[in-house]
Protein backbone atom coordinates (compact mmCIF):
# COMPACT_ATOMS: atom_id res chain seq x y z
CA UNK A 1 -12.82 -10.11 -9.86
CA UNK A 2 -9.95 -12.74 -9.31
CA UNK A 3 -9.60 -14.36 -5.83
CA UNK A 4 -13.18 -14.34 -4.92
CA UNK A 5 -14.45 -16.50 -1.90
CA UNK A 6 -18.49 -16.47 -1.39
CA UNK A 7 -21.04 -18.01 0.83
CA UNK A 8 -21.43 -17.65 4.97
CA UNK A 9 -19.04 -20.77 5.73
CA UNK A 10 -16.23 -20.59 2.82
CA UNK A 11 -15.70 -16.62 4.12
CA UNK A 12 -15.92 -17.66 7.76
CA UNK A 13 -13.05 -20.51 7.06
CA UNK A 14 -11.02 -18.33 5.08
CA UNK A 15 -11.16 -15.53 8.68
CA UNK A 16 -10.86 -18.04 10.95
CA UNK A 17 -7.73 -19.55 8.84
CA UNK A 18 -6.33 -15.99 8.89
CA UNK A 19 -6.51 -15.54 5.20
CA UNK A 20 -5.59 -12.22 4.10
CA UNK A 21 -8.90 -10.41 3.25
CA UNK A 22 -9.00 -7.14 1.31
CA UNK A 23 -12.39 -6.83 0.94
CA UNK A 24 -15.51 -8.33 2.54
CA UNK A 25 -18.85 -7.46 1.44
CA UNK A 26 -22.12 -8.36 3.17
CA UNK A 27 -25.47 -7.89 2.01
CA UNK A 28 -27.19 -5.06 3.69
CA UNK A 29 -30.08 -6.11 6.48
CA UNK A 30 -28.80 -9.80 6.28
CA UNK A 31 -29.99 -11.40 9.07
CA UNK A 32 -29.61 -14.92 11.03
CA UNK A 33 -27.48 -16.85 13.17
CA UNK A 34 -24.70 -17.94 10.60
CA UNK A 35 -24.32 -14.03 9.28
CA UNK A 36 -24.33 -12.85 13.26
CA UNK A 37 -21.87 -15.48 13.90
CA UNK A 38 -19.53 -14.40 10.78
CA UNK A 39 -20.04 -10.85 11.89
CA UNK A 40 -18.35 -11.70 15.27
CA UNK A 41 -15.69 -13.66 13.70
CA UNK A 42 -14.64 -10.50 11.44
CA UNK A 43 -14.52 -8.58 14.86
CA UNK A 44 -12.47 -10.79 16.67
CA UNK A 45 -9.84 -11.33 13.73
CA UNK A 46 -10.31 -7.62 12.96
CA UNK A 47 -11.59 -7.93 10.21
CA UNK A 48 -13.41 -4.95 8.57
CA UNK A 49 -16.69 -5.47 6.48
CA UNK A 50 -19.00 -3.41 4.57
CA UNK A 51 -22.85 -3.62 4.31
CA UNK A 52 -23.44 -3.35 0.28
CA UNK A 53 -26.82 -3.90 -1.55
CA UNK A 54 -27.55 -7.23 -2.68
CA UNK A 55 -26.83 -6.05 -6.43
CA UNK A 56 -23.14 -5.51 -6.04
CA UNK A 57 -22.88 -8.78 -4.78
CA UNK A 58 -24.47 -10.19 -7.64
CA UNK A 59 -21.84 -8.11 -9.92
CA UNK A 60 -19.14 -9.69 -8.01
CA UNK A 61 -20.17 -13.68 -8.26
CA UNK A 62 -23.02 -15.31 -10.29
CA UNK A 63 -22.38 -18.03 -7.52
CA UNK A 64 -24.81 -18.34 -4.66
CA UNK A 65 -23.10 -16.40 -2.27
CA UNK A 66 -25.71 -15.78 0.68
CA UNK A 67 -25.33 -12.27 1.28
CA UNK A 68 -21.44 -13.07 1.40
CA UNK A 69 -18.12 -12.22 -1.24
CA UNK A 70 -14.96 -11.63 0.43
CA UNK A 71 -12.07 -11.24 -2.26
CA UNK A 72 -8.79 -12.49 -0.70
CA UNK A 73 -4.89 -10.71 -1.03
CA UNK A 74 -3.43 -11.79 -4.39
CA UNK A 75 -0.08 -11.34 -2.49
CA UNK A 76 1.56 -12.75 0.57
CA UNK A 77 2.52 -9.67 2.79
CA UNK A 78 5.07 -9.41 4.58
CA UNK A 79 6.20 -7.81 8.06
CA UNK A 80 8.31 -4.35 8.42
CA UNK A 81 11.68 -6.42 10.26
CA UNK A 82 10.91 -9.30 7.02
CA UNK A 83 11.96 -6.49 4.85
CA UNK A 84 14.90 -4.89 6.84
CA UNK A 85 16.10 -8.13 7.72
CA UNK A 86 16.16 -9.21 3.26
CA UNK A 87 18.43 -6.01 2.95
CA UNK A 88 21.83 -7.67 1.29
CA UNK A 89 24.81 -5.89 3.50
CA UNK A 90 26.34 -4.41 0.83
CA UNK A 91 23.51 -2.72 -0.49
CA UNK A 92 21.77 0.50 1.46
CA UNK A 93 18.34 0.29 2.45
CA UNK A 94 15.87 1.69 0.42
CA UNK A 95 11.47 1.78 0.85
CA UNK A 96 8.97 3.40 -0.40
CA UNK A 97 5.90 4.32 1.90
CA UNK A 98 2.36 5.05 0.74
CA UNK A 99 0.18 7.63 2.57
CA UNK A 100 -3.05 7.58 1.17
CA UNK A 101 -2.66 6.23 -2.61
CA UNK A 102 -5.46 4.66 -3.31
CA UNK A 103 -5.50 4.05 -7.29
CA UNK A 104 -4.58 0.81 -7.56
CA UNK A 105 -2.90 1.25 -11.56
CA UNK A 106 -0.63 4.40 -9.64
CA UNK A 107 -0.02 2.22 -6.60
CA UNK A 108 1.18 -0.73 -9.23
CA UNK A 109 2.98 1.60 -11.26
CA UNK A 110 4.99 3.38 -8.19
CA UNK A 111 5.88 -0.97 -7.51
CA UNK A 112 6.86 -1.37 -11.17
CA UNK A 113 9.52 1.81 -10.75
CA UNK A 114 10.40 0.70 -6.98
CA UNK A 115 11.43 -2.35 -7.66
CA UNK A 116 13.15 -1.09 -11.07
CA UNK A 117 14.67 1.17 -8.88
CA UNK A 118 16.09 -1.59 -6.48
CA UNK A 119 14.17 -0.87 -3.55
CA UNK A 120 13.92 -3.10 -0.70
CA UNK A 121 9.93 -3.13 0.13
CA UNK A 122 7.18 -1.47 0.54
CA UNK A 123 5.04 0.04 3.30
CA UNK A 124 1.26 0.65 3.09
CA UNK A 125 -1.34 1.35 5.39
CA UNK A 126 -4.57 -1.20 5.88
CA UNK A 127 -6.84 1.80 5.59
CA UNK A 128 -6.87 4.61 2.75
CA UNK A 129 -4.69 2.41 0.44
CA UNK A 130 -5.12 0.67 -3.05
CA UNK A 131 -5.84 -3.05 -2.45
CA UNK A 132 -3.11 -5.15 -3.89
CA UNK A 133 -5.02 -7.12 -6.24
CA UNK A 134 -5.07 -8.37 -10.08
CA UNK A 135 -5.35 -4.89 -11.21
CA UNK A 136 -2.28 -3.47 -9.23
CA UNK A 137 -0.28 -6.30 -10.40
CA UNK A 138 -0.55 -5.96 -14.10
CA UNK A 139 -0.29 -2.21 -13.53
CA UNK A 140 2.99 -3.07 -11.69
CA UNK A 141 4.19 -5.32 -14.60
CA UNK A 142 4.12 -8.00 -12.28
CA UNK A 143 6.92 -6.13 -9.85
CA UNK A 144 4.50 -6.90 -6.59
CA UNK A 145 5.14 -10.74 -7.33
CA UNK A 146 8.63 -9.36 -6.85
CA UNK A 147 8.97 -6.88 -4.19
CA UNK A 148 7.95 -7.50 -0.47
CA UNK A 149 4.97 -5.31 0.62
CA UNK A 150 4.24 -5.22 3.98
CA UNK A 151 0.77 -3.56 5.44
CA UNK A 152 0.88 -1.73 8.98
CA UNK A 153 -1.77 -0.03 10.94
CA UNK A 154 -0.30 2.86 11.83
CA UNK A 155 2.12 4.75 8.76
CA UNK A 156 3.54 7.20 11.48
CA UNK A 157 4.25 4.47 14.33
CA UNK A 158 6.38 2.59 11.39
CA UNK A 159 8.21 5.77 10.30
CA UNK A 160 9.05 6.26 13.72
CA UNK A 161 10.42 2.77 13.99
CA UNK A 162 12.43 3.57 10.89
CA UNK A 163 13.94 6.34 11.84
CA UNK A 164 15.07 4.56 15.04
CA UNK A 165 16.16 1.71 12.41
CA UNK A 166 18.60 5.27 11.14
CA UNK A 167 16.22 5.57 8.37
CA UNK A 168 16.01 9.32 7.22
CA UNK A 169 12.23 9.66 6.32
CA UNK A 170 12.29 11.68 2.91
CA UNK A 171 8.86 13.31 1.68
CA UNK A 172 8.08 13.83 -1.87
CA UNK A 173 6.15 17.23 -2.03
CA UNK A 174 5.42 20.08 -4.49
CA UNK A 175 5.30 22.55 -1.71
CA UNK A 176 8.76 22.36 -0.37
CA UNK A 177 11.71 24.63 -1.32
CA UNK A 178 14.35 21.96 -0.96
CA UNK A 179 14.88 20.39 -4.50
CA UNK A 180 15.49 16.66 -4.43
CA UNK A 181 18.75 17.42 -6.21
CA UNK A 182 20.21 18.64 -2.93
CA UNK A 183 19.57 15.71 -0.77
CA UNK A 184 22.13 12.87 0.06
CA UNK A 185 19.97 9.71 -0.49
CA UNK A 186 23.10 7.49 0.02
CA UNK A 187 21.60 7.10 3.79
CA UNK A 188 18.89 4.31 4.27
CA UNK A 189 15.91 5.86 3.21
CA UNK A 190 12.17 5.65 3.44
CA UNK A 191 10.61 7.67 0.33
CA UNK A 192 6.79 8.70 1.43
CA UNK A 193 4.25 9.14 -1.55
CA UNK A 194 1.12 10.93 -1.01
CA UNK A 195 -2.28 11.00 -1.74
CA UNK A 196 -3.24 11.60 -5.56
CA UNK A 197 -5.32 14.82 -4.48
CA UNK A 198 -4.62 15.93 -1.51
CA UNK A 199 -0.66 14.47 -0.89
CA UNK A 200 0.99 13.69 2.30
CA UNK A 201 -1.17 14.40 5.36
CA UNK A 202 -0.04 16.89 7.66
CA UNK A 203 0.58 14.53 10.50
CA UNK A 204 2.73 12.21 8.34
CA UNK A 205 4.63 15.18 7.12
CA UNK A 206 5.51 17.01 10.29
CA UNK A 207 7.69 13.23 10.91
CA UNK A 208 9.68 13.57 7.89
CA UNK A 209 13.84 14.78 7.98
CA UNK A 210 13.18 16.03 4.33
CA UNK A 211 10.64 17.67 2.09
CA UNK A 212 11.43 17.64 -1.37
CA UNK A 213 10.28 18.57 -4.57
CA UNK A 214 10.66 17.87 -8.29
CA UNK A 215 11.10 21.26 -10.37
CA UNK A 216 8.97 21.94 -12.42
CA UNK A 217 9.39 24.50 -15.60
CA UNK A 218 5.83 24.01 -17.28
CA UNK A 219 2.41 25.49 -16.11
CA UNK A 220 0.70 22.58 -14.64
CA UNK A 221 1.42 22.42 -11.06
CA UNK A 222 2.33 19.19 -9.93
CA UNK A 223 2.96 15.50 -11.39
CA UNK A 224 1.05 12.39 -11.70
CA UNK A 225 2.07 10.32 -8.07
CA UNK A 226 3.86 7.57 -10.08
CA UNK A 227 5.62 9.70 -11.96
CA UNK A 228 7.00 11.76 -9.33
CA UNK A 229 8.06 8.77 -7.52
CA UNK A 230 9.57 7.57 -10.37
CA UNK A 231 11.74 10.45 -10.82
CA UNK A 232 12.50 10.29 -6.85
CA UNK A 233 13.42 6.89 -7.06
CA UNK A 234 15.98 7.31 -9.88
CA UNK A 235 17.65 10.18 -8.72
CA UNK A 236 18.11 7.56 -5.43
CA UNK A 237 19.71 5.46 -7.99
CA UNK A 238 21.76 8.08 -9.66
CA UNK A 239 23.45 8.98 -6.58
CA UNK A 240 24.61 5.43 -5.24
CA UNK A 241 25.76 4.59 -8.34
CA UNK A 242 27.61 7.67 -8.77
């Protein structure tokens, strides 16, 4: 695994320095003053950790991990306002919002399609989302190092902010009767893609201005989320360059 930090003091220093921690694992049942100080530090900095068997830590590193292994972020995240500020004046804003996409390969594939379609950024939740790690970057063919990525505490709050900035929030869902070809993507758009198995959550769907489906002629009821994202994104491109 890439971007590994292990040992109590090195991990504590990374947390204190504000490094983006993707995953933090602590040996189940670990005790001691330094370990307690690390846990308190994580609470202060709002860094979540997971208690795991020592065997998992041993699989992650052969080094003297002292019961602590962290994986740092493979990219530098940006704020939502950074994404909006970077949109060129002669372009119509387009962002992709992830709601529960947990598979790193799907995440990477969507990022690749988004970058190719000229999207200006990706928005993903802090919880219940695929980590942006080396595998995700490989799956994106490097797109995740080129397109800005923002992590947010609340997708719903972020969508409301985007609506306040003039964005239409569009949900990709096979449950809608309205097809993506009947929508107007020449407006600032936030395209929401949902979880691989359950789709977009009901709470997020309620906030969306449009719910759009991709017409399917075959017998299988839905596309893989990364394939669906590509179809949606390039309908945006078709309308904007047409």
